[in-house]
C-alpha atoms as a PDB file:
ATOM      1  CA  MET A   1     -30.625 -26.631 -21.437  1.00  0.00           C
ATOM      2  CA  SER A   2     -28.039 -28.933 -19.908  1.00  0.00           C
ATOM      3  CA  SER A   3     -27.043 -28.643 -16.252  1.00  0.00           C
ATOM      4  CA  THR A   4     -23.604 -27.436 -17.318  1.00  0.00           C
ATOM      5  CA  THR A   5     -25.139 -24.711 -19.468  1.00  0.00           C
ATOM      6  CA  ARG A   6     -27.434 -23.639 -16.639  1.00  0.00           C
ATOM      7  CA  ILE A   7     -24.470 -23.381 -14.267  1.00  0.00           C
ATOM      8  CA  LEU A   8     -22.429 -21.346 -16.754  1.00  0.00           C
ATOM      9  CA  THR A   9     -25.381 -19.093 -17.508  1.00  0.00           C
ATOM     10  CA  GLY A  10     -26.049 -18.533 -13.825  1.00  0.00           C
ATOM     11  CA  THR A  11     -22.397 -17.795 -13.150  1.00  0.00           C
ATOM     12  CA  LEU A  12     -22.255 -15.296 -16.020  1.00  0.00           C
ATOM     13  CA  ALA A  13     -25.393 -13.554 -14.788  1.00  0.00           C
ATOM     14  CA  ALA A  14     -23.998 -13.298 -11.267  1.00  0.00           C
ATOM     15  CA  SER A  15     -20.736 -11.897 -12.640  1.00  0.00           C
ATOM     16  CA  LEU A  16     -22.598  -9.288 -14.642  1.00  0.00           C
ATOM     17  CA  LEU A  17     -24.530  -8.257 -11.536  1.00  0.00           C
ATOM     18  CA  VAL A  18     -21.305  -7.885  -9.567  1.00  0.00           C
ATOM     19  CA  ALA A  19     -19.689  -5.938 -12.390  1.00  0.00           C
ATOM     20  CA  GLY A  20     -22.735  -3.731 -12.691  1.00  0.00           C
ATOM     21  CA  GLY A  21     -22.698  -3.053  -8.946  1.00  0.00           C
ATOM     22  CA  ALA A  22     -19.013  -2.206  -9.019  1.00  0.00           C
ATOM     23  CA  GLN A  23     -19.567   0.157 -11.945  1.00  0.00           C
ATOM     24  CA  ALA A  24     -22.412   1.850 -10.084  1.00  0.00           C
ATOM     25  CA  ASP A  25     -20.188   2.264  -7.043  1.00  0.00           C
ATOM     26  CA  ARG A  26     -17.357   3.735  -9.149  1.00  0.00           C
ATOM     27  CA  SER A  27     -19.747   6.217 -10.728  1.00  0.00           C
ATOM     28  CA  GLU A  28     -19.698   8.129  -7.435  1.00  0.00           C
ATOM     29  CA  TRP A  29     -15.909   8.203  -7.241  1.00  0.00           C
ATOM     30  CA  PRO A  30     -14.067  11.459  -7.898  1.00  0.00           C
ATOM     31  CA  GLU A  31     -12.585  11.856 -11.374  1.00  0.00           C
ATOM     32  CA  SER A  32      -9.251  12.775  -9.818  1.00  0.00           C
ATOM     33  CA  PHE A  33      -7.652  13.241  -6.400  1.00  0.00           C
ATOM     34  CA  THR A  34      -4.696  14.980  -4.776  1.00  0.00           C
ATOM     35  CA  VAL A  35      -2.679  13.916  -1.735  1.00  0.00           C
ATOM     36  CA  GLY A  36      -1.339  16.734   0.451  1.00  0.00           C
ATOM     37  CA  THR A  37       2.270  15.960   1.426  1.00  0.00           C
ATOM     38  CA  ALA A  38       4.865  18.536   2.616  1.00  0.00           C
ATOM     39  CA  SER A  39       8.075  20.098   1.318  1.00  0.00           C
ATOM     40  CA  GLN A  40      10.471  18.282  -0.990  1.00  0.00           C
ATOM     41  CA  GLY A  41      13.329  16.624   0.861  1.00  0.00           C
ATOM     42  CA  GLY A  42      11.069  15.345   3.645  1.00  0.00           C
ATOM     43  CA  THR A  43       9.545  11.921   4.182  1.00  0.00           C
ATOM     44  CA  TYR A  44       5.976  13.189   3.697  1.00  0.00           C
ATOM     45  CA  PHE A  45       6.767  14.203   0.125  1.00  0.00           C
ATOM     46  CA  VAL A  46       8.299  10.826  -0.759  1.00  0.00           C
ATOM     47  CA  TYR A  47       5.668   8.758   1.065  1.00  0.00           C
ATOM     48  CA  GLY A  48       2.666  10.821  -0.056  1.00  0.00           C
ATOM     49  CA  SER A  49       3.674  11.125  -3.701  1.00  0.00           C
ATOM     50  CA  GLY A  50       4.442   7.417  -3.942  1.00  0.00           C
ATOM     51  CA  TRP A  51       1.171   6.497  -2.227  1.00  0.00           C
ATOM     52  CA  ALA A  52      -0.765   8.755  -4.617  1.00  0.00           C
ATOM     53  CA  ASN A  53       0.884   7.059  -7.599  1.00  0.00           C
ATOM     54  CA  LEU A  54       0.042   3.612  -6.210  1.00  0.00           C
ATOM     55  CA  ILE A  55      -3.629   4.572  -5.816  1.00  0.00           C
ATOM     56  CA  ALA A  56      -3.779   6.111  -9.294  1.00  0.00           C
ATOM     57  CA  ASP A  57      -2.104   3.127 -10.963  1.00  0.00           C
ATOM     58  CA  GLU A  58      -4.114   0.416  -9.218  1.00  0.00           C
ATOM     59  CA  LEU A  59      -7.540   2.058  -8.978  1.00  0.00           C
ATOM     60  CA  GLY A  60      -7.456   3.804 -12.326  1.00  0.00           C
ATOM     61  CA  VAL A  61      -8.166   7.288 -10.996  1.00  0.00           C
ATOM     62  CA  SER A  62      -6.034  10.264 -12.001  1.00  0.00           C
ATOM     63  CA  GLY A  63      -4.130  11.599  -9.018  1.00  0.00           C
ATOM     64  CA  GLY A  64      -0.831  12.676  -7.512  1.00  0.00           C
ATOM     65  CA  GLY A  65       0.947  14.276  -4.588  1.00  0.00           C
ATOM     66  CA  GLU A  66       1.111  18.013  -3.955  1.00  0.00           C
ATOM     67  CA  VAL A  67       3.754  19.998  -2.078  1.00  0.00           C
ATOM     68  CA  THR A  68       2.155  21.702   0.945  1.00  0.00           C
ATOM     69  CA  GLY A  69       3.150  23.223   4.258  1.00  0.00           C
ATOM     70  CA  GLY A  70       2.690  19.843   5.944  1.00  0.00           C
ATOM     71  CA  PRO A  71       0.282  18.416   8.545  1.00  0.00           C
ATOM     72  CA  ASN A  72      -1.498  21.605   9.633  1.00  0.00           C
ATOM     73  CA  GLN A  73      -2.139  22.751   6.089  1.00  0.00           C
ATOM     74  CA  ASN A  74      -3.143  19.252   4.984  1.00  0.00           C
ATOM     75  CA  LEU A  75      -5.769  19.124   7.737  1.00  0.00           C
ATOM     76  CA  ALA A  76      -7.184  22.481   6.664  1.00  0.00           C
ATOM     77  CA  LEU A  77      -7.220  21.634   2.949  1.00  0.00           C
ATOM     78  CA  VAL A  78      -8.835  18.234   3.490  1.00  0.00           C
ATOM     79  CA  HIS A  79     -11.421  19.801   5.805  1.00  0.00           C
ATOM     80  CA  THR A  80     -12.421  22.343   3.162  1.00  0.00           C
ATOM     81  CA  GLY A  81     -12.419  19.777   0.349  1.00  0.00           C
ATOM     82  CA  ASP A  82      -9.523  21.392  -1.531  1.00  0.00           C
ATOM     83  CA  LEU A  83      -7.641  18.111  -1.088  1.00  0.00           C
ATOM     84  CA  ALA A  84      -9.194  14.654  -1.058  1.00  0.00           C
ATOM     85  CA  LEU A  85      -6.382  12.974   0.877  1.00  0.00           C
ATOM     86  CA  GLY A  86      -3.432  14.010   2.997  1.00  0.00           C
ATOM     87  CA  LEU A  87      -0.909  13.111   5.674  1.00  0.00           C
ATOM     88  CA  THR A  88      -0.865  14.451   9.222  1.00  0.00           C
ATOM     89  CA  THR A  89       0.456  13.907  12.718  1.00  0.00           C
ATOM     90  CA  MET A  90      -1.679  13.365  15.793  1.00  0.00           C
ATOM     91  CA  GLY A  91      -0.638  16.539  17.626  1.00  0.00           C
ATOM     92  CA  PRO A  92      -1.840  18.914  14.897  1.00  0.00           C
ATOM     93  CA  ALA A  93      -4.896  16.683  14.376  1.00  0.00           C
ATOM     94  CA  ALA A  94      -5.924  17.066  18.021  1.00  0.00           C
ATOM     95  CA  GLU A  95      -5.534  20.840  17.763  1.00  0.00           C
ATOM     96  CA  ALA A  96      -7.561  20.956  14.517  1.00  0.00           C
ATOM     97  CA  VAL A  97     -10.447  18.956  15.967  1.00  0.00           C
ATOM     98  CA  ALA A  98     -10.512  21.255  19.003  1.00  0.00           C
ATOM     99  CA  GLY A  99     -10.557  24.381  16.832  1.00  0.00           C
ATOM    100  CA  GLN A 100      -7.022  25.336  17.841  1.00  0.00           C
ATOM    101  CA  SER A 101      -5.193  25.000  14.523  1.00  0.00           C
ATOM    102  CA  PRO A 102      -2.700  27.855  14.073  1.00  0.00           C
ATOM    103  CA  LEU A 103      -3.966  28.195  10.496  1.00  0.00           C
ATOM    104  CA  ALA A 104      -7.645  28.588  11.426  1.00  0.00           C
ATOM    105  CA  PRO A 105      -8.134  29.437  15.123  1.00  0.00           C
ATOM    106  CA  GLY A 106     -11.678  28.755  16.262  1.00  0.00           C
ATOM    107  CA  VAL A 107     -12.544  26.488  13.320  1.00  0.00           C
ATOM    108  CA  LYS A 108     -13.293  22.923  14.419  1.00  0.00           C
ATOM    109  CA  MET A 109     -12.180  20.762  11.524  1.00  0.00           C
ATOM    110  CA  ASP A 110     -14.848  18.065  11.581  1.00  0.00           C
ATOM    111  CA  ASN A 111     -14.614  16.958   7.930  1.00  0.00           C
ATOM    112  CA  VAL A 112     -11.320  15.115   8.407  1.00  0.00           C
ATOM    113  CA  CYS A 113     -11.309  11.332   8.847  1.00  0.00           C
ATOM    114  CA  ALA A 114      -8.454   8.913   9.499  1.00  0.00           C
ATOM    115  CA  LEU A 115      -7.600   6.049   7.141  1.00  0.00           C
ATOM    116  CA  PHE A 116      -4.566   4.124   8.400  1.00  0.00           C
ATOM    117  CA  PRO A 117      -1.372   4.566  10.474  1.00  0.00           C
ATOM    118  CA  MET A 118       1.804   5.570   8.673  1.00  0.00           C
ATOM    119  CA  TYR A 119       4.782   5.664  11.053  1.00  0.00           C
ATOM    120  CA  GLU A 120       6.189   7.556  13.989  1.00  0.00           C
ATOM    121  CA  THR A 121       7.832  10.917  13.330  1.00  0.00           C
ATOM    122  CA  PRO A 122      11.015  11.265  15.385  1.00  0.00           C
ATOM    123  CA  PHE A 123      12.162  14.733  16.428  1.00  0.00           C
ATOM    124  CA  SER A 124      15.874  14.829  15.664  1.00  0.00           C
ATOM    125  CA  ILE A 125      18.624  17.432  15.417  1.00  0.00           C
ATOM    126  CA  THR A 126      21.350  17.604  12.773  1.00  0.00           C
ATOM    127  CA  THR A 127      24.414  19.865  12.619  1.00  0.00           C
ATOM    128  CA  LEU A 128      27.683  19.903  10.722  1.00  0.00           C
ATOM    129  CA  ALA A 129      30.407  17.890  12.432  1.00  0.00           C
ATOM    130  CA  ASP A 130      32.751  20.875  12.534  1.00  0.00           C
ATOM    131  CA  SER A 131      30.164  22.980  14.416  1.00  0.00           C
ATOM    132  CA  GLY A 132      31.277  21.550  17.748  1.00  0.00           C
ATOM    133  CA  ILE A 133      27.624  20.860  18.639  1.00  0.00           C
ATOM    134  CA  GLU A 134      27.395  17.330  19.988  1.00  0.00           C
ATOM    135  CA  SER A 135      24.503  17.763  22.427  1.00  0.00           C
ATOM    136  CA  ILE A 136      21.463  19.996  22.862  1.00  0.00           C
ATOM    137  CA  ALA A 137      23.299  21.786  25.671  1.00  0.00           C
ATOM    138  CA  ASP A 138      26.073  22.637  23.164  1.00  0.00           C
ATOM    139  CA  ILE A 139      23.753  24.719  20.968  1.00  0.00           C
ATOM    140  CA  PRO A 140      25.049  28.279  21.478  1.00  0.00           C
ATOM    141  CA  ASP A 141      22.789  31.150  22.467  1.00  0.00           C
ATOM    142  CA  GLY A 142      21.381  32.877  19.407  1.00  0.00           C
ATOM    143  CA  ALA A 143      22.000  29.913  17.101  1.00  0.00           C
ATOM    144  CA  THR A 144      19.968  29.953  13.897  1.00  0.00           C
ATOM    145  CA  ILE A 145      17.833  26.817  13.724  1.00  0.00           C
ATOM    146  CA  GLY A 146      15.831  25.617  10.715  1.00  0.00           C
ATOM    147  CA  PHE A 147      12.456  24.183  11.733  1.00  0.00           C
ATOM    148  CA  GLY A 148      11.072  23.228   8.334  1.00  0.00           C
ATOM    149  CA  PRO A 149       8.068  24.777   6.564  1.00  0.00           C
ATOM    150  CA  ALA A 150       6.000  27.302   8.519  1.00  0.00           C
ATOM    151  CA  ALA A 151       3.118  25.675  10.435  1.00  0.00           C
ATOM    152  CA  SER A 152       4.549  22.174   9.883  1.00  0.00           C
ATOM    153  CA  THR A 153       4.653  19.688  12.769  1.00  0.00           C
ATOM    154  CA  SER A 154       8.329  20.482  13.245  1.00  0.00           C
ATOM    155  CA  ASP A 155       7.712  24.239  13.230  1.00  0.00           C
ATOM    156  CA  THR A 156       4.735  23.871  15.578  1.00  0.00           C
ATOM    157  CA  TYR A 157       6.397  21.719  18.232  1.00  0.00           C
ATOM    158  CA  PHE A 158      10.186  21.745  17.943  1.00  0.00           C
ATOM    159  CA  PRO A 159      10.679  25.423  18.903  1.00  0.00           C
ATOM    160  CA  LYS A 160       8.539  24.836  22.003  1.00  0.00           C
ATOM    161  CA  ILE A 161      10.528  21.696  22.819  1.00  0.00           C
ATOM    162  CA  LEU A 162      13.843  23.548  22.604  1.00  0.00           C
ATOM    163  CA  VAL A 163      12.508  26.448  24.684  1.00  0.00           C
ATOM    164  CA  GLU A 164      11.452  23.860  27.281  1.00  0.00           C
ATOM    165  CA  LEU A 165      15.050  22.599  27.255  1.00  0.00           C
ATOM    166  CA  GLY A 166      16.480  26.096  27.714  1.00  0.00           C
ATOM    167  CA  VAL A 167      17.819  26.698  24.212  1.00  0.00           C
ATOM    168  CA  ASP A 168      17.990  30.308  22.990  1.00  0.00           C
ATOM    169  CA  PHE A 169      17.734  30.542  19.198  1.00  0.00           C
ATOM    170  CA  GLU A 170      16.608  32.368  16.084  1.00  0.00           C
ATOM    171  CA  ALA A 171      14.074  30.393  14.022  1.00  0.00           C
ATOM    172  CA  ARG A 172      14.328  29.899  10.267  1.00  0.00           C
ATOM    173  CA  ASN A 173      11.657  28.302   8.068  1.00  0.00           C
ATOM    174  CA  GLY A 174      11.974  26.622   4.685  1.00  0.00           C
ATOM    175  CA  GLY A 175      11.767  23.333   2.843  1.00  0.00           C
ATOM    176  CA  TRP A 176      13.993  20.532   4.098  1.00  0.00           C
ATOM    177  CA  ASN A 177      16.185  20.483   0.995  1.00  0.00           C
ATOM    178  CA  ASP A 178      16.628  24.246   1.155  1.00  0.00           C
ATOM    179  CA  LEU A 179      17.515  24.155   4.854  1.00  0.00           C
ATOM    180  CA  GLY A 180      19.974  21.340   4.208  1.00  0.00           C
ATOM    181  CA  GLY A 181      21.721  23.542   1.648  1.00  0.00           C
ATOM    182  CA  GLN A 182      21.769  26.444   4.101  1.00  0.00           C
ATOM    183  CA  LEU A 183      23.316  24.241   6.792  1.00  0.00           C
ATOM    184  CA  GLN A 184      25.983  23.037   4.414  1.00  0.00           C
ATOM    185  CA  ASP A 185      26.742  26.620   3.346  1.00  0.00           C
ATOM    186  CA  GLY A 186      27.043  27.813   6.958  1.00  0.00           C
ATOM    187  CA  LEU A 187      23.960  30.047   6.767  1.00  0.00           C
ATOM    188  CA  ILE A 188      22.249  28.261   9.674  1.00  0.00           C
ATOM    189  CA  ASP A 189      23.678  26.347  12.622  1.00  0.00           C
ATOM    190  CA  VAL A 190      21.196  23.531  13.216  1.00  0.00           C
ATOM    191  CA  ILE A 191      18.253  21.795  11.574  1.00  0.00           C
ATOM    192  CA  ALA A 192      15.541  20.454  13.891  1.00  0.00           C
ATOM    193  CA  PHE A 193      13.792  17.754  11.880  1.00  0.00           C
ATOM    194  CA  ALA A 194      10.393  16.248  12.579  1.00  0.00           C
ATOM    195  CA  ALA A 195      10.065  13.724   9.762  1.00  0.00           C
ATOM    196  CA  GLY A 196       9.918  10.001   9.173  1.00  0.00           C
ATOM    197  CA  ILE A 197      13.269   8.284   9.047  1.00  0.00           C
ATOM    198  CA  PRO A 198      15.466   8.172   7.157  1.00  0.00           C
ATOM    199  CA  VAL A 199      14.927  11.849   6.363  1.00  0.00           C
ATOM    200  CA  PRO A 200      15.982  12.220   2.698  1.00  0.00           C
ATOM    201  CA  ALA A 201      17.630  15.585   3.357  1.00  0.00           C
ATOM    202  CA  VAL A 202      19.803  14.088   6.142  1.00  0.00           C
ATOM    203  CA  SER A 203      20.768  11.097   3.998  1.00  0.00           C
ATOM    204  CA  GLN A 204      21.819  13.503   1.255  1.00  0.00           C
ATOM    205  CA  LEU A 205      23.749  15.718   3.678  1.00  0.00           C
ATOM    206  CA  GLU A 206      25.820  12.926   5.166  1.00  0.00           C
ATOM    207  CA  VAL A 207      26.899  11.804   1.695  1.00  0.00           C
ATOM    208  CA  GLN A 208      28.161  15.298   0.933  1.00  0.00           C
ATOM    209  CA  THR A 209      29.677  16.305   4.283  1.00  0.00           C
ATOM    210  CA  ASP A 210      30.298  15.163   7.861  1.00  0.00           C
ATOM    211  CA  VAL A 211      27.327  15.713  10.183  1.00  0.00           C
ATOM    212  CA  ASN A 212      26.389  15.183  13.805  1.00  0.00           C
ATOM    213  CA  ILE A 213      22.999  13.694  14.626  1.00  0.00           C
ATOM    214  CA  VAL A 214      22.351  15.039  18.111  1.00  0.00           C
ATOM    215  CA  GLU A 215      20.376  12.890  20.545  1.00  0.00           C
ATOM    216  CA  PHE A 216      18.382  13.812  23.646  1.00  0.00           C
ATOM    217  CA  THR A 217      19.781  12.848  27.048  1.00  0.00           C
ATOM    218  CA  GLU A 218      17.569  10.590  29.157  1.00  0.00           C
ATOM    219  CA  GLU A 219      16.641  13.575  31.320  1.00  0.00           C
ATOM    220  CA  GLU A 220      15.805  15.761  28.310  1.00  0.00           C
ATOM    221  CA  GLN A 221      13.735  13.007  26.766  1.00  0.00           C
ATOM    222  CA  GLN A 222      11.704  12.521  29.947  1.00  0.00           C
ATOM    223  CA  GLN A 223      11.198  16.268  30.370  1.00  0.00           C
ATOM    224  CA  VAL A 224       9.850  16.610  26.824  1.00  0.00           C
ATOM    225  CA  VAL A 225       7.582  13.540  27.087  1.00  0.00           C
ATOM    226  CA  GLU A 226       5.982  15.026  30.196  1.00  0.00           C
ATOM    227  CA  ALA A 227       5.437  18.420  28.536  1.00  0.00           C
ATOM    228  CA  PHE A 228       4.242  17.495  25.007  1.00  0.00           C
ATOM    229  CA  PRO A 229       2.098  14.873  23.157  1.00  0.00           C
ATOM    230  CA  VAL A 230       5.125  12.770  22.206  1.00  0.00           C
ATOM    231  CA  SER A 231       6.587   9.376  23.115  1.00  0.00           C
ATOM    232  CA  PRO A 232      10.128   8.105  23.741  1.00  0.00           C
ATOM    233  CA  PHE A 233      11.842   6.858  20.576  1.00  0.00           C
ATOM    234  CA  GLN A 234      15.155   5.375  19.503  1.00  0.00           C
ATOM    235  CA  ILE A 235      16.524   6.153  16.038  1.00  0.00           C
ATOM    236  CA  PRO A 236      18.188   2.863  14.981  1.00  0.00           C
ATOM    237  CA  ALA A 237      21.883   3.131  14.204  1.00  0.00           C
ATOM    238  CA  SER A 238      21.194   1.521  10.820  1.00  0.00           C
ATOM    239  CA  THR A 239      19.130   4.547   9.751  1.00  0.00           C
ATOM    240  CA  TYR A 240      22.128   6.721   8.852  1.00  0.00           C
ATOM    241  CA  GLN A 241      25.776   6.126   8.001  1.00  0.00           C
ATOM    242  CA  THR A 242      26.730   8.709  10.644  1.00  0.00           C
ATOM    243  CA  LEU A 243      25.194   6.849  13.601  1.00  0.00           C
ATOM    244  CA  GLU A 244      27.318   4.292  15.383  1.00  0.00           C
ATOM    245  CA  GLU A 245      24.618   3.420  17.907  1.00  0.00           C
ATOM    246  CA  ASP A 246      20.919   4.084  18.451  1.00  0.00           C
ATOM    247  CA  ALA A 247      20.087   7.745  19.112  1.00  0.00           C
ATOM    248  CA  ARG A 248      17.591   8.791  21.780  1.00  0.00           C
ATOM    249  CA  ALA A 249      14.703  10.970  20.527  1.00  0.00           C
ATOM    250  CA  VAL A 250      10.964  11.584  20.907  1.00  0.00           C
ATOM    251  CA  SER A 251       8.252  10.920  18.327  1.00  0.00           C
ATOM    252  CA  MET A 252       4.656  11.534  17.256  1.00  0.00           C
ATOM    253  CA  TRP A 253       2.441   9.208  15.152  1.00  0.00           C
ATOM    254  CA  ASN A 254       1.320  10.006  11.611  1.00  0.00           C
ATOM    255  CA  PHE A 255      -1.885   8.919   9.845  1.00  0.00           C
ATOM    256  CA  THR A 256      -3.269   9.240   6.359  1.00  0.00           C
ATOM    257  CA  ILE A 257      -6.455  11.317   6.232  1.00  0.00           C
ATOM    258  CA  ALA A 258      -9.408  11.845   3.893  1.00  0.00           C
ATOM    259  CA  GLY A 259     -12.403  14.088   3.618  1.00  0.00           C
ATOM    260  CA  CYS A 260     -15.205  12.428   5.567  1.00  0.00           C
ATOM    261  CA  ASP A 261     -17.578  13.090   2.656  1.00  0.00           C
ATOM    262  CA  LEU A 262     -15.577  11.038   0.136  1.00  0.00           C
ATOM    263  CA  PRO A 263     -17.515   8.011  -1.214  1.00  0.00           C
ATOM    264  CA  GLU A 264     -17.302   5.031   1.120  1.00  0.00           C
ATOM    265  CA  ASP A 265     -16.429   2.553  -1.641  1.00  0.00           C
ATOM    266  CA  PHE A 266     -13.601   4.750  -2.910  1.00  0.00           C
ATOM    267  CA  VAL A 267     -12.026   5.010   0.540  1.00  0.00           C
ATOM    268  CA  TYR A 268     -12.603   1.297   1.179  1.00  0.00           C
ATOM    269  CA  GLU A 269     -10.608   0.422  -1.951  1.00  0.00           C
ATOM    270  CA  ILE A 270      -7.808   2.850  -0.996  1.00  0.00           C
ATOM    271  CA  THR A 271      -7.604   1.340   2.500  1.00  0.00           C
ATOM    272  CA  LYS A 272      -7.680  -2.213   1.129  1.00  0.00           C
ATOM    273  CA  LEU A 273      -4.966  -1.463  -1.404  1.00  0.00           C
ATOM    274  CA  SER A 274      -2.734   0.240   1.156  1.00  0.00           C
ATOM    275  CA  LEU A 275      -3.043  -2.266   3.987  1.00  0.00           C
ATOM    276  CA  GLU A 276      -3.011  -5.452   1.917  1.00  0.00           C
ATOM    277  CA  ASN A 277       0.141  -4.531  -0.020  1.00  0.00           C
ATOM    278  CA  ASN A 278       2.662  -3.521   2.618  1.00  0.00           C
ATOM    279  CA  ASP A 279       5.542  -4.750   0.461  1.00  0.00           C
ATOM    280  CA  ARG A 280       4.613  -2.183  -2.176  1.00  0.00           C
ATOM    281  CA  MET A 281       4.176   0.508   0.477  1.00  0.00           C
ATOM    282  CA  ARG A 282       7.684  -0.274   1.788  1.00  0.00           C
ATOM    283  CA  ASP A 283       8.994   0.129  -1.748  1.00  0.00           C
ATOM    284  CA  ILE A 284       7.731   3.728  -1.586  1.00  0.00           C
ATOM    285  CA  HIS A 285       9.497   4.442   1.721  1.00  0.00           C
ATOM    286  CA  ARG A 286      10.859   1.970   4.231  1.00  0.00           C
ATOM    287  CA  SER A 287       9.079   3.710   7.119  1.00  0.00           C
ATOM    288  CA  ALA A 288       5.911   2.088   5.712  1.00  0.00           C
ATOM    289  CA  GLN A 289       6.929  -1.072   7.565  1.00  0.00           C
ATOM    290  CA  PHE A 290       4.867   0.510  10.347  1.00  0.00           C
ATOM    291  CA  SER A 291       1.885   1.215   8.068  1.00  0.00           C
ATOM    292  CA  VAL A 292       0.005  -1.820   9.352  1.00  0.00           C
ATOM    293  CA  PRO A 293      -3.496  -2.125  10.842  1.00  0.00           C
ATOM    294  CA  GLU A 294      -2.176  -3.203  14.239  1.00  0.00           C
ATOM    295  CA  ASN A 295      -1.049   0.398  14.781  1.00  0.00           C
ATOM    296  CA  LEU A 296      -4.510   1.900  14.326  1.00  0.00           C
ATOM    297  CA  GLU A 297      -4.692   2.246  18.127  1.00  0.00           C
ATOM    298  CA  TYR A 298      -2.404   5.283  17.953  1.00  0.00           C
ATOM    299  CA  ASN A 299      -5.235   7.389  16.567  1.00  0.00           C
ATOM    300  CA  THR A 300      -7.418   8.476  19.466  1.00  0.00           C
ATOM    301  CA  VAL A 301      -8.406  11.807  17.929  1.00  0.00           C
ATOM    302  CA  LEU A 302      -9.931  11.579  14.450  1.00  0.00           C
ATOM    303  CA  PRO A 303     -12.960   9.491  13.462  1.00  0.00           C
ATOM    304  CA  PHE A 304     -12.129   6.752  10.978  1.00  0.00           C
ATOM    305  CA  HIS A 305     -13.752   7.105   7.558  1.00  0.00           C
ATOM    306  CA  PRO A 306     -16.677   4.631   7.103  1.00  0.00           C
ATOM    307  CA  GLY A 307     -14.839   3.080   4.152  1.00  0.00           C
ATOM    308  CA  ALA A 308     -11.804   2.401   6.332  1.00  0.00           C
ATOM    309  CA  VAL A 309     -14.001   1.115   9.159  1.00  0.00           C
ATOM    310  CA  ARG A 310     -15.562  -1.402   6.752  1.00  0.00           C
ATOM    311  CA  TRP A 311     -12.150  -2.800   5.800  1.00  0.00           C
ATOM    312  CA  TYR A 312     -10.971  -2.991   9.421  1.00  0.00           C
ATOM    313  CA  GLU A 313     -14.109  -4.771  10.604  1.00  0.00           C
ATOM    314  CA  GLU A 314     -14.089  -7.205   7.666  1.00  0.00           C
ATOM    315  CA  ASN A 315     -10.558  -8.150   8.697  1.00  0.00           C
ATOM    316  CA  GLY A 316     -11.197  -8.589  12.408  1.00  0.00           C
ATOM    317  CA  TYR A 317     -10.079  -5.209  13.765  1.00  0.00           C
ATOM    318  CA  GLU A 318     -12.283  -3.282  16.173  1.00  0.00           C
ATOM    319  CA  ILE A 319     -12.827   0.456  15.904  1.00  0.00           C
ATOM    320  CA  PRO A 320     -14.038   2.171  19.111  1.00  0.00           C
ATOM    321  CA  ASP A 321     -17.556   3.553  18.788  1.00  0.00           C
ATOM    322  CA  ASP A 322     -16.368   7.063  19.611  1.00  0.00           C
ATOM    323  CA  LEU A 323     -14.105   6.956  16.525  1.00  0.00           C
ATOM    324  CA  LYS A 324     -16.927   6.108  14.115  1.00  0.00           C
ATOM    325  CA  LEU A 325     -19.093   8.663  12.344  1.00  0.00           C
END
């Protein structure tokens, strides 16, 4: 056997071993998966459905997004294994880990692991331009306000935020597209959005009618930051046609999540695909510009899945010991 033949034979054997190992690893993967998103018309639905399609196309596993009630429900469904993957915000995640989820009081959801950061969710307020509401203080007593799906991040926190700011209102729940239609038809007065920007329902509204995007005053922003697990935020003027300058708001970080019992190799490949192809993630939704590993520090609540930890550590990122299983 020539030296060239020996080299080729050795290379082929090594390749077969690698292929065999990969096949063995894939044999433990689920046959299909579902990503819990939120209502249609919100950023979660667009981001989550697109992410699910990317995973399915690139990893060859059947999967897709599913409409849900949002972060709280996604946490519960991932914890129970009814969903493999989902999207959530850090406020509801902290409550779920502590056994304080409004959907399952007393149940500590310890089968939910973080994968990677998504983006910040701004809390913003939209009204029709002819409503006369140009500030939070302008919202009349008894106004009907849409807070999104029941038990969503918006529905969990925004009513409390507005109560803190002295607003008297009647709450209305529903999907973002539905609430947008109700606002346009004069059936509700305000929509209080907690969703990644641009919110599809707001972008659609401002094409069809004139709207006001109501910002927080500096004093209101500071008051809310001190009372809730949120941070100061500026909605860039370029986000919507309606805005002429940046709008003051508050925000909460979002992360993708997975059942902690999912196979490590499966989650490793999902994490690798998502974090090494940010251009494709941005094609899904432009808020994914923030879906980068440098923002992993904004999860201080959920343990990272071992598959995600492996990718981070291979690429020079440190995960605190208290966030490892």
